[in-house]
Amino acid sequence: MPQTDRLPLPTLLSQVLVAFTIEFDNKFERQMPHRTTYYGATDSSRSGPWLVSLAMWSNCMQFVGDDGVRVGELEHLAGTMTNLHGMQRWGYIAVKPVLGAGGKKPPRSRLMIHATPKGRKAQEIWRPLFGVIEKRWQTRFGEGELEQIRESLADVVGRLELELPDCLPILGYGPVSKPPTPRRQKFSPGKDGVGTCFLSTLLSLLLLAFALEFEHESDLSLAISANVLRVLDEKGLPIRDLPVLTGVSKEAIKIALGFLQKKRIIVIQPDTTNSRTKIVRLTSRGRDAQYAYRGLLDVVEDRWIARFGPDTIGRLRGSLERMVGDPTVERSRLFRGLEPYPEGWRASVPKAVTLPHFPMVLHRGGFPDGS
């Protein structure tokens, strides 16, 4: 496929998923008593749970029922790992032993996870929010358009041969998309059930399938390539500009730059005109890596066209392109739902002008931009 100015397929999937997640998170933040590290707490929640993103529902809290769940079972139910220590430390769950015969302490895998009262409150708020945000999108984009994108996504998801979690995994070292854990309850909604999945689930399944195929042949992850490597050049850019250019948090940028520097793909040095400003630029190895990233995107998408059919991928791409539209903040319909509530933490940080080209889901709470 020749290089064009069209957004890559995983970028389209990512930007729709990130927009949905941020809108979902903003609504959860407003309803859930919570605290944050840098942006204060709700009046009634000075000791409340630390604020987390949709990902922590998807890979943890949705599987913690009234009777709890064993530590060793959670990962197999979710198909991916959670930040168990974080969810315990942040106040959503308690992990307790169930004494066996003779009062012996069981192995860690048999410890029981229970939702705390604050965790149960979070579950009550999370459950209906998928439907709430999708109804908002029906109003914003049109019921027919939303149904069309759902059908396009479901058409491909229904033919995936991989057994995947119904959410993006927390990124591992690299930061790579971790392969799925074999599931005890396979995600298999059936021919008629795929289309009734949450929109975020369909987007996540396709995006993870693309990322795993890309990363099988790439020395660099899709997350690091699509966000940071993509915007760099050999002339150099101020590091402070990267969050604005990528839509990714400073913390996620730091992780990415550390990995790229170790691989000798970039060099970081003081600006010759201002020694307090650090500049990052591509090395010759980095230039080659950037070229390889762009080429592999086309290769994988061409494979998908051959595997699923040009009409199927064409309909999917067309639906996504109409939803993303003009990706600039002033004109994008995706951005219309991202205005934070005045009391929300995102109202205290610089306003995003672009969305990540791949979600940076980190252990920090699972926020899609690595915040």
Protein backbone atom coordinates (compact mmCIF):
# COMPACT_ATOMS: atom_id res chain seq x y z
CA MET A 1 0.00 0.00 0.00
CA PRO A 2 1.58 3.35 -0.96
CA GLN A 3 2.22 5.90 1.75
CA THR A 4 -0.60 8.46 1.94
CA ASP A 5 -1.65 11.22 4.27
CA ARG A 6 -4.40 9.01 5.70
CA LEU A 7 -4.19 8.15 9.37
CA PRO A 8 -3.05 4.55 9.96
CA LEU A 9 -5.77 2.08 10.94
CA PRO A 10 -4.46 1.63 14.53
CA THR A 11 -4.37 5.41 14.95
CA LEU A 12 -8.03 5.65 13.99
CA LEU A 13 -8.93 2.85 16.40
CA SER A 14 -6.80 4.45 19.13
CA GLN A 15 -8.20 7.94 18.87
CA VAL A 16 -11.80 6.75 19.05
CA LEU A 17 -10.98 4.48 22.00
CA VAL A 18 -9.01 7.17 23.86
CA ALA A 19 -11.79 9.72 23.35
CA PHE A 20 -14.39 7.28 24.67
CA THR A 21 -12.19 6.44 27.67
CA ILE A 22 -11.48 10.05 28.64
CA GLU A 23 -15.17 10.94 28.42
CA PHE A 24 -15.98 7.84 30.50
CA ASP A 25 -13.28 8.69 33.06
CA ASN A 26 -14.43 12.30 33.40
CA LYS A 27 -17.95 11.12 34.23
CA PHE A 28 -16.65 8.55 36.72
CA GLU A 29 -14.45 11.16 38.39
CA ARG A 30 -17.41 13.48 38.90
CA GLN A 31 -19.59 10.81 40.50
CA MET A 32 -17.00 8.90 42.55
CA PRO A 33 -15.58 10.30 45.82
CA HIS A 34 -11.81 10.07 45.33
CA ARG A 35 -8.39 11.57 45.86
CA THR A 36 -5.48 12.33 43.52
CA THR A 37 -1.76 12.85 44.04
CA TYR A 38 -1.48 16.37 42.62
CA TYR A 39 -5.02 17.62 42.07
CA GLY A 40 -6.67 17.28 45.46
CA ALA A 41 -9.70 15.24 46.50
CA THR A 42 -13.45 15.52 46.64
CA ASP A 43 -14.68 17.16 49.84
CA SER A 44 -16.04 13.92 51.27
CA SER A 45 -13.06 11.78 50.27
CA ARG A 46 -9.84 12.94 51.91
CA SER A 47 -9.18 9.27 52.64
CA GLY A 48 -11.04 7.99 49.58
CA PRO A 49 -9.67 5.70 46.86
CA TRP A 50 -7.06 7.04 44.47
CA LEU A 51 -8.60 7.92 41.11
CA VAL A 52 -8.13 5.33 38.35
CA SER A 53 -9.25 4.87 34.75
CA LEU A 54 -11.64 2.54 32.90
CA ALA A 55 -8.83 -0.01 32.45
CA MET A 56 -8.92 -0.90 36.14
CA TRP A 57 -12.59 -1.83 35.83
CA SER A 58 -11.84 -3.90 32.74
CA ASN A 59 -8.89 -5.89 34.06
CA CYS A 60 -9.91 -6.12 37.72
CA MET A 61 -13.08 -4.77 39.30
CA GLN A 62 -15.61 -6.27 36.89
CA PHE A 63 -14.48 -9.74 38.02
CA VAL A 64 -14.63 -9.10 41.79
CA GLY A 65 -18.11 -10.30 42.69
CA ASP A 66 -19.94 -10.33 46.02
CA ASP A 67 -18.13 -13.52 47.03
CA GLY A 68 -14.75 -12.25 45.85
CA VAL A 69 -12.32 -13.94 43.47
CA ARG A 70 -9.07 -15.82 44.02
CA VAL A 71 -5.83 -14.08 43.06
CA GLY A 72 -4.88 -16.96 40.79
CA GLU A 73 -8.24 -16.88 39.05
CA LEU A 74 -8.46 -13.15 38.32
CA GLU A 75 -5.83 -13.10 35.58
CA HIS A 76 -7.47 -16.07 33.84
CA LEU A 77 -10.90 -14.45 33.99
CA ALA A 78 -9.60 -11.15 32.61
CA GLY A 79 -7.19 -12.66 30.10
CA THR A 80 -4.58 -10.15 31.25
CA MET A 81 -2.82 -8.91 34.37
CA THR A 82 -3.99 -6.11 36.62
CA ASN A 83 -2.05 -3.89 39.00
CA LEU A 84 -3.12 -5.89 42.03
CA HIS A 85 -0.83 -4.14 44.50
CA GLY A 86 -1.98 -0.77 43.21
CA MET A 87 -5.68 -1.57 43.43
CA GLN A 88 -5.12 -2.77 47.00
CA ARG A 89 -3.02 0.26 47.95
CA TRP A 90 -5.45 2.67 46.30
CA GLY A 91 -8.38 1.38 48.33
CA TYR A 92 -10.51 -0.60 45.86
CA ILE A 93 -9.80 -4.15 47.00
CA ALA A 94 -8.62 -6.13 50.00
CA VAL A 95 -6.59 -9.31 49.60
CA LYS A 96 -7.05 -11.76 52.44
CA PRO A 97 -6.05 -15.36 53.11
CA VAL A 98 -8.59 -18.13 53.47
CA LEU A 99 -7.11 -20.55 55.96
CA GLY A 100 -6.99 -24.16 54.85
CA ALA A 101 -6.94 -27.36 56.83
CA GLY A 102 -4.94 -27.06 60.02
CA GLY A 103 -4.91 -23.28 59.79
CA LYS A 104 -2.16 -23.25 57.14
CA LYS A 105 -1.75 -20.11 55.11
CA PRO A 106 -2.51 -20.85 51.43
CA PRO A 107 -0.20 -19.87 48.55
CA ARG A 108 -0.67 -16.37 47.15
CA SER A 109 -2.60 -17.64 44.13
CA ARG A 110 -5.35 -18.84 46.48
CA LEU A 111 -5.70 -15.60 48.40
CA MET A 112 -9.13 -14.04 48.04
CA ILE A 113 -9.78 -10.60 46.56
CA HIS A 114 -12.79 -8.72 47.91
CA ALA A 115 -14.06 -5.28 46.96
CA THR A 116 -13.82 -2.74 49.77
CA PRO A 117 -16.89 -0.54 50.45
CA LYS A 118 -15.23 2.12 48.28
CA GLY A 119 -14.55 -0.48 45.61
CA ARG A 120 -18.22 -1.53 45.60
CA LYS A 121 -19.21 2.13 45.24
CA ALA A 122 -16.90 2.39 42.23
CA GLN A 123 -18.42 -0.75 40.70
CA GLU A 124 -21.93 0.72 41.04
CA ILE A 125 -20.81 3.85 39.17
CA TRP A 126 -18.76 2.08 36.50
CA ARG A 127 -21.38 -0.48 35.39
CA PRO A 128 -23.92 1.86 33.74
CA LEU A 129 -21.38 4.35 32.37
CA PHE A 130 -20.72 2.41 29.16
CA GLY A 131 -24.35 2.83 28.16
CA VAL A 132 -24.39 6.46 29.30
CA ILE A 133 -21.42 7.43 27.10
CA GLU A 134 -22.69 5.44 24.13
CA LYS A 135 -26.03 7.30 24.33
CA ARG A 136 -24.13 10.58 24.34
CA TRP A 137 -22.30 9.45 21.23
CA GLN A 138 -25.56 8.51 19.54
CA THR A 139 -26.66 12.11 20.04
CA ARG A 140 -23.35 13.57 18.89
CA PHE A 141 -22.56 11.35 15.91
CA GLY A 142 -26.01 10.05 15.03
CA GLU A 143 -27.57 6.72 15.88
CA GLY A 144 -27.05 5.40 12.36
CA GLU A 145 -23.37 6.34 12.28
CA LEU A 146 -22.70 4.75 15.65
CA GLU A 147 -24.47 1.56 14.59
CA GLN A 148 -22.47 1.51 11.38
CA ILE A 149 -19.13 1.72 13.17
CA ARG A 150 -20.26 -0.94 15.63
CA GLU A 151 -21.19 -3.28 12.77
CA SER A 152 -17.87 -2.61 11.01
CA LEU A 153 -15.90 -3.38 14.16
CA ALA A 154 -17.97 -6.46 14.98
CA ASP A 155 -17.51 -7.83 11.47
CA VAL A 156 -13.75 -8.04 11.96
CA VAL A 157 -13.83 -8.96 15.67
CA GLY A 158 -16.10 -11.90 14.89
CA ARG A 159 -13.39 -13.34 12.62
CA LEU A 160 -10.39 -12.88 14.88
CA GLU A 161 -8.70 -16.20 15.58
CA LEU A 162 -6.89 -14.96 18.68
CA GLU A 163 -8.22 -15.41 22.19
CA LEU A 164 -7.90 -11.89 23.56
CA PRO A 165 -8.91 -9.95 26.67
CA ASP A 166 -11.75 -7.51 26.13
CA CYS A 167 -9.50 -4.58 27.07
CA LEU A 168 -5.99 -3.34 26.30
CA PRO A 169 -3.43 -4.83 28.70
CA ILE A 170 -1.28 -2.67 30.94
CA LEU A 171 1.85 -2.13 28.86
CA GLY A 172 4.93 -4.11 29.84
CA TYR A 173 8.60 -3.19 29.57
CA GLY A 174 9.33 -1.58 26.23
CA PRO A 175 6.46 -0.57 26.59
CA VAL A 176 5.00 -3.56 24.72
CA SER A 177 1.48 -4.99 24.55
CA LYS A 178 1.60 -8.09 26.73
CA PRO A 179 0.37 -11.32 25.12
CA PRO A 180 -2.96 -12.49 26.54
CA THR A 181 -3.29 -14.95 29.40
CA PRO A 182 -5.29 -18.10 28.58
CA ARG A 183 -8.83 -17.37 29.74
CA ARG A 184 -10.86 -19.62 31.96
CA GLN A 185 -14.00 -18.08 30.54
CA LYS A 186 -13.19 -17.44 26.91
CA PHE A 187 -14.46 -14.16 25.50
CA SER A 188 -16.83 -15.64 22.95
CA PRO A 189 -20.02 -13.60 22.53
CA GLY A 190 -21.11 -15.62 19.50
CA LYS A 191 -22.13 -14.54 16.05
CA ASP A 192 -25.05 -12.43 17.23
CA GLY A 193 -23.43 -11.26 20.46
CA VAL A 194 -20.36 -9.50 19.05
CA GLY A 195 -22.40 -6.52 17.91
CA THR A 196 -23.88 -6.05 21.38
CA CYS A 197 -20.46 -5.67 23.04
CA PHE A 198 -19.52 -2.29 24.41
CA LEU A 199 -17.98 -0.04 21.78
CA SER A 200 -14.80 0.25 23.86
CA THR A 201 -14.50 -3.56 23.94
CA LEU A 202 -14.72 -3.88 20.16
CA LEU A 203 -12.15 -1.12 19.66
CA SER A 204 -9.79 -2.68 22.21
CA LEU A 205 -9.99 -6.16 20.67
CA LEU A 206 -9.08 -4.94 17.20
CA LEU A 207 -6.38 -2.58 18.41
CA LEU A 208 -4.71 -5.27 20.51
CA ALA A 209 -4.85 -7.77 17.63
CA PHE A 210 -3.14 -5.22 15.36
CA ALA A 211 -0.52 -4.34 18.00
CA LEU A 212 0.39 -7.98 18.67
CA GLU A 213 0.85 -8.65 14.97
CA PHE A 214 2.93 -5.48 14.55
CA GLU A 215 5.11 -6.18 17.57
CA HIS A 216 5.75 -9.78 16.49
CA GLU A 217 7.88 -8.32 13.67
CA SER A 218 9.09 -5.06 15.19
CA ASP A 219 11.97 -4.32 17.55
CA LEU A 220 9.90 -1.46 18.98
CA SER A 221 6.39 -1.52 20.38
CA LEU A 222 3.49 0.10 18.59
CA ALA A 223 2.91 2.34 21.62
CA ILE A 224 6.42 3.80 21.53
CA SER A 225 6.57 3.96 17.73
CA ALA A 226 3.18 5.55 17.11
CA ASN A 227 3.49 8.15 19.83
CA VAL A 228 7.11 9.19 20.32
CA LEU A 229 9.19 7.80 17.46
CA ARG A 230 6.63 9.11 14.98
CA VAL A 231 7.15 12.80 15.82
CA LEU A 232 10.95 12.87 16.15
CA ASP A 233 13.50 13.92 13.54
CA GLU A 234 17.26 14.25 13.16
CA LYS A 235 17.23 18.02 13.73
CA GLY A 236 15.94 17.70 17.28
CA LEU A 237 12.89 18.71 19.29
CA PRO A 238 12.60 20.13 22.82
CA ILE A 239 11.50 17.34 25.16
CA ARG A 240 9.01 19.72 26.75
CA ASP A 241 7.13 19.87 23.41
CA LEU A 242 6.54 16.13 23.16
CA PRO A 243 3.41 15.89 25.36
CA VAL A 244 1.64 18.44 23.13
CA LEU A 245 2.81 16.79 19.90
CA THR A 246 1.86 13.27 20.98
CA GLY A 247 -1.08 13.70 23.36
CA VAL A 248 0.84 11.54 25.85
CA SER A 249 1.72 12.49 29.44
CA LYS A 250 5.16 13.63 30.59
CA GLU A 251 5.48 10.47 32.66
CA ALA A 252 4.84 8.23 29.64
CA ILE A 253 7.22 10.31 27.51
CA LYS A 254 9.97 9.82 30.10
CA ILE A 255 9.52 6.04 29.98
CA ALA A 256 9.59 6.01 26.18
CA LEU A 257 12.68 8.24 25.92
CA GLY A 258 14.58 6.13 28.43
CA PHE A 259 13.93 3.00 26.39
CA LEU A 260 14.78 4.66 23.05
CA GLN A 261 17.99 6.11 24.48
CA LYS A 262 19.09 2.69 25.72
CA LYS A 263 18.51 1.32 22.21
CA ARG A 264 20.61 4.18 20.75
CA ILE A 265 17.67 5.29 18.65
CA ILE A 266 17.78 8.82 20.08
CA VAL A 267 20.26 11.14 21.73
CA ILE A 268 19.31 13.70 24.35
CA GLN A 269 21.46 16.82 24.73
CA PRO A 270 21.24 20.44 25.89
CA ASP A 271 19.91 23.00 23.43
CA THR A 272 22.81 25.06 22.09
CA THR A 273 20.74 28.24 22.51
CA ASN A 274 19.40 27.43 25.99
CA SER A 275 21.29 24.97 28.18
CA ARG A 276 18.27 24.50 30.45
CA THR A 277 16.29 23.03 27.54
CA LYS A 278 16.89 19.40 26.60
CA ILE A 279 16.67 18.40 22.95
CA VAL A 280 15.93 14.90 21.65
CA ARG A 281 16.84 13.87 18.13
CA LEU A 282 16.94 10.69 16.10
CA THR A 283 20.21 8.91 15.40
CA SER A 284 20.76 7.21 12.05
CA ARG A 285 19.50 4.03 13.72
CA GLY A 286 16.45 5.97 14.84
CA ARG A 287 15.78 7.22 11.33
CA ASP A 288 15.84 3.64 10.09
CA ALA A 289 13.51 2.57 12.92
CA GLN A 290 11.06 5.32 12.03
CA TYR A 291 11.07 4.24 8.40
CA ALA A 292 10.58 0.60 9.41
CA TYR A 293 7.64 1.57 11.66
CA ARG A 294 5.85 3.35 8.83
CA GLY A 295 6.46 0.49 6.43
CA LEU A 296 5.28 -2.20 8.84
CA LEU A 297 2.03 -0.33 9.48
CA ASP A 298 1.27 -0.62 5.78
CA VAL A 299 2.33 -4.28 5.66
CA VAL A 300 0.03 -5.29 8.53
CA GLU A 301 -2.92 -3.33 7.17
CA ASP A 302 -2.41 -4.94 3.75
CA ARG A 303 -2.48 -8.34 5.44
CA TRP A 304 -5.74 -7.44 7.13
CA ILE A 305 -7.19 -6.42 3.78
CA ALA A 306 -6.18 -9.80 2.35
CA ARG A 307 -7.37 -11.72 5.43
CA PHE A 308 -10.71 -10.01 6.06
CA GLY A 309 -11.44 -8.67 2.60
CA PRO A 310 -11.04 -5.19 1.07
CA ASP A 311 -14.72 -4.38 1.50
CA THR A 312 -14.68 -5.29 5.21
CA ILE A 313 -11.56 -3.25 6.02
CA GLY A 314 -12.74 -0.47 3.72
CA ARG A 315 -16.03 -0.17 5.62
CA LEU A 316 -14.18 -0.25 8.94
CA ARG A 317 -11.72 2.42 7.88
CA GLY A 318 -14.47 4.57 6.39
CA SER A 319 -16.55 4.40 9.60
CA LEU A 320 -13.56 5.30 11.74
CA GLU A 321 -12.47 8.14 9.44
CA ARG A 322 -15.94 9.69 9.57
CA MET A 323 -15.97 9.51 13.35
CA VAL A 324 -12.45 10.94 13.78
CA GLY A 325 -13.00 13.52 11.05
CA ASP A 326 -10.64 16.46 11.25
CA PRO A 327 -8.27 15.40 14.05
CA THR A 328 -7.60 18.99 15.16
CA VAL A 329 -9.12 20.02 18.47
CA GLU A 330 -11.05 22.94 17.02
CA ARG A 331 -13.00 20.85 14.51
CA SER A 332 -13.02 17.25 15.76
CA ARG A 333 -16.32 15.85 17.02
CA LEU A 334 -14.32 13.51 19.27
CA PHE A 335 -13.00 16.50 21.21
CA ARG A 336 -16.47 17.92 21.83
CA GLY A 337 -17.06 15.42 24.61
CA LEU A 338 -13.64 15.82 26.23
CA GLU A 339 -14.15 19.15 27.96
CA PRO A 340 -13.48 18.27 31.61
CA TYR A 341 -15.78 19.25 34.44
CA PRO A 342 -14.44 22.40 36.19
CA GLU A 343 -13.57 20.41 39.30
CA GLY A 344 -11.92 17.57 37.32
CA TRP A 345 -8.16 17.02 37.34
CA ARG A 346 -7.93 17.45 33.56
CA ALA A 347 -9.22 21.01 33.97
CA SER A 348 -5.99 21.77 35.89
CA VAL A 349 -3.59 20.65 33.14
CA PRO A 350 -2.94 22.07 29.65
CA LYS A 351 -5.75 21.25 27.26
CA ALA A 352 -4.99 18.40 24.86
CA VAL A 353 -4.71 19.38 21.20
CA THR A 354 -4.26 15.85 19.86
CA LEU A 355 -5.06 12.32 20.99
CA PRO A 356 -2.49 9.53 21.36
CA HIS A 357 -1.83 7.40 18.30
CA PHE A 358 -1.79 4.41 20.64
CA PRO A 359 -3.10 4.28 24.22
CA MET A 360 -0.36 4.40 26.87
CA VAL A 361 -2.04 2.25 29.52
CA LEU A 362 0.42 2.17 32.42
CA HIS A 363 0.46 0.85 35.99
CA ARG A 364 -0.19 4.40 37.19
CA GLY A 365 -3.94 3.84 37.05
CA GLY A 366 -4.55 2.81 33.46
CA PHE A 367 -5.26 6.26 31.99
CA PRO A 368 -5.12 6.08 28.17
CA ASP A 369 -2.55 8.87 27.83
CA GLY A 370 -0.26 7.55 30.58
CA SER A 371 -1.29 10.26 33.08
